[in-house]
Amino acid sequence: MAEFNTDLPSVRAIQQFLKDKQEVELKLVTDDLLVGRIFWQDNDCLCLVDQYDQKTLVWRQALVYLKPKA
């Protein structure tokens, strides 16, 4: 298994969203749009917590985009 590379800009950006508890939008390849806060990330997945404190595990390959919620 490859080590988690925190030198990558995408990983650092996600870590900053996590640290700031910034609400984000995740667009998935299924055309679903998820909104919440990133709870954690690893090499394969993100864990998103929604407004009801429901945790959703999202595989990175399912992402189309991730952006801060305006």
Protein backbone atom coordinates (compact mmCIF):
# COMPACT_ATOMS: atom_id res chain seq x y z
CA MET A 1 0.00 0.00 0.00
CA ALA A 2 1.29 3.46 -0.91
CA GLU A 3 1.88 5.96 1.86
CA PHE A 4 -0.50 8.86 2.22
CA ASN A 5 1.27 11.71 0.40
CA THR A 6 0.60 14.96 2.25
CA ASP A 7 2.86 16.84 -0.19
CA LEU A 8 0.18 16.68 -2.89
CA PRO A 9 -1.75 19.96 -3.29
CA SER A 10 -5.11 18.15 -3.44
CA VAL A 11 -4.43 16.36 -0.15
CA ARG A 12 -3.32 19.62 1.50
CA ALA A 13 -6.44 21.44 0.22
CA ILE A 14 -8.72 18.74 1.62
CA GLN A 15 -6.81 18.81 4.92
CA GLN A 16 -7.38 22.58 5.09
CA PHE A 17 -11.14 22.11 4.51
CA LEU A 18 -11.08 19.51 7.30
CA LYS A 19 -9.11 21.74 9.69
CA ASP A 20 -11.35 24.76 9.02
CA LYS A 21 -14.51 22.64 9.28
CA GLN A 22 -15.44 24.17 5.92
CA GLU A 23 -18.67 22.93 4.38
CA VAL A 24 -18.02 21.44 0.93
CA GLU A 25 -19.94 20.13 -2.06
CA LEU A 26 -18.99 16.77 -3.54
CA LYS A 27 -20.22 15.98 -7.04
CA LEU A 28 -20.20 12.24 -7.78
CA VAL A 29 -20.00 10.33 -11.06
CA THR A 30 -23.58 9.22 -10.35
CA ASP A 31 -24.57 12.91 -10.66
CA ASP A 32 -25.39 13.05 -6.92
CA LEU A 33 -24.40 16.18 -5.03
CA LEU A 34 -23.41 15.74 -1.39
CA VAL A 35 -22.95 18.61 1.06
CA GLY A 36 -21.22 18.47 4.42
CA ARG A 37 -17.91 18.64 6.26
CA ILE A 38 -14.98 16.33 5.63
CA PHE A 39 -14.42 14.24 8.75
CA TRP A 40 -11.29 12.39 7.56
CA GLN A 41 -9.48 11.27 4.42
CA ASP A 42 -7.15 8.46 3.45
CA ASN A 43 -5.64 7.16 0.20
CA ASP A 44 -8.93 5.69 -0.99
CA CYS A 45 -11.82 7.52 0.66
CA LEU A 46 -13.25 10.64 2.23
CA CYS A 47 -15.71 10.60 5.09
CA LEU A 48 -18.34 13.33 4.78
CA VAL A 49 -20.58 14.39 7.69
CA ASP A 50 -23.88 16.00 6.71
CA GLN A 51 -26.16 18.41 8.60
CA TYR A 52 -27.75 15.48 10.46
CA ASP A 53 -24.35 14.16 11.62
CA GLN A 54 -24.75 11.25 9.20
CA LYS A 55 -21.36 9.98 7.99
CA THR A 56 -20.98 8.95 4.36
CA LEU A 57 -17.92 7.17 3.04
CA VAL A 58 -17.06 8.32 -0.50
CA TRP A 59 -14.49 6.54 -2.65
CA ARG A 60 -12.13 9.03 -4.31
CA GLN A 61 -12.69 7.50 -7.76
CA ALA A 62 -16.40 8.37 -7.40
CA LEU A 63 -15.62 12.11 -7.22
CA VAL A 64 -16.14 14.46 -10.15
CA TYR A 65 -15.28 17.55 -8.09
CA LEU A 66 -15.00 18.85 -4.54
CA LYS A 67 -15.41 22.54 -3.76
CA PRO A 68 -16.11 24.78 -0.79
CA LYS A 69 -19.77 25.58 -0.30
CA ALA A 70 -20.40 29.26 -0.97
